[in-house]
Amino acid sequence: MMIPINEAQKQLQDLIDSVNQSHKPIVIAGKSGNAILLSEADWSSVQETLYKRSPKL
């Protein structure tokens, strides 16, 4: 799902609820580039996956 920033500002709580329930990120389209909104749990999972797959030095 992609949503313009002005709509995201109006619907922020609903978008937060959505990413927490669906575990599907939302792309927020801005003038200078896009950003991704995802749940804290999903972000933690991404971080853990990256850590586990990183080369061990």
Protein backbone atom coordinates (compact mmCIF):
# COMPACT_ATOMS: atom_id res chain seq x y z
CA MET A 1 0.00 0.00 0.00
CA MET A 2 1.26 3.48 -0.85
CA ILE A 3 -0.24 6.63 0.61
CA PRO A 4 0.64 10.32 0.10
CA ILE A 5 2.15 12.04 3.11
CA ASN A 6 -0.76 14.45 3.56
CA GLU A 7 -3.16 11.49 3.83
CA ALA A 8 -0.78 9.64 6.16
CA GLN A 9 -0.73 12.64 8.50
CA LYS A 10 -4.52 12.60 8.71
CA GLN A 11 -4.72 8.83 9.25
CA LEU A 12 -1.58 8.14 11.30
CA GLN A 13 -3.24 6.23 14.15
CA ASP A 14 -5.22 4.09 11.70
CA LEU A 15 -2.04 3.36 9.72
CA ILE A 16 -0.18 2.38 12.90
CA ASP A 17 -3.04 0.05 13.82
CA SER A 18 -2.99 -1.41 10.30
CA VAL A 19 0.72 -2.26 10.23
CA ASN A 20 0.50 -3.80 13.70
CA GLN A 21 -2.45 -6.00 12.73
CA SER A 22 -1.53 -6.93 9.15
CA HIS A 23 2.28 -6.97 9.42
CA LYS A 24 2.33 -5.38 5.95
CA PRO A 25 4.43 -2.22 5.61
CA ILE A 26 2.96 0.98 4.20
CA VAL A 27 4.90 3.23 1.83
CA ILE A 28 4.45 6.92 2.60
CA ALA A 29 5.14 9.03 -0.48
CA GLY A 30 6.83 12.35 0.24
CA LYS A 31 8.11 15.17 -1.94
CA SER A 32 11.77 14.37 -1.32
CA GLY A 33 11.41 10.58 -1.27
CA ASN A 34 9.42 7.78 0.25
CA ALA A 35 9.48 6.20 3.71
CA ILE A 36 8.25 2.90 5.09
CA LEU A 37 5.96 2.51 8.10
CA LEU A 38 6.12 -0.88 9.78
CA SER A 39 5.38 -2.23 13.22
CA GLU A 40 8.00 -2.22 15.95
CA ALA A 41 7.78 -6.02 16.13
CA ASP A 42 8.44 -6.32 12.40
CA TRP A 43 11.34 -3.85 12.63
CA SER A 44 12.87 -5.90 15.46
CA SER A 45 12.53 -9.02 13.32
CA VAL A 46 14.30 -7.32 10.40
CA GLN A 47 17.11 -6.19 12.70
CA GLU A 48 17.51 -9.69 14.14
CA THR A 49 17.59 -11.25 10.67
CA LEU A 50 20.23 -8.79 9.49
CA TYR A 51 22.32 -9.47 12.59
CA LYS A 52 22.13 -13.24 12.16
CA ARG A 53 23.05 -13.03 8.47
CA SER A 54 25.91 -10.58 8.92
CA PRO A 55 29.41 -11.96 8.52
CA LYS A 56 31.01 -12.75 11.84
CA LEU A 57 34.38 -11.06 12.23
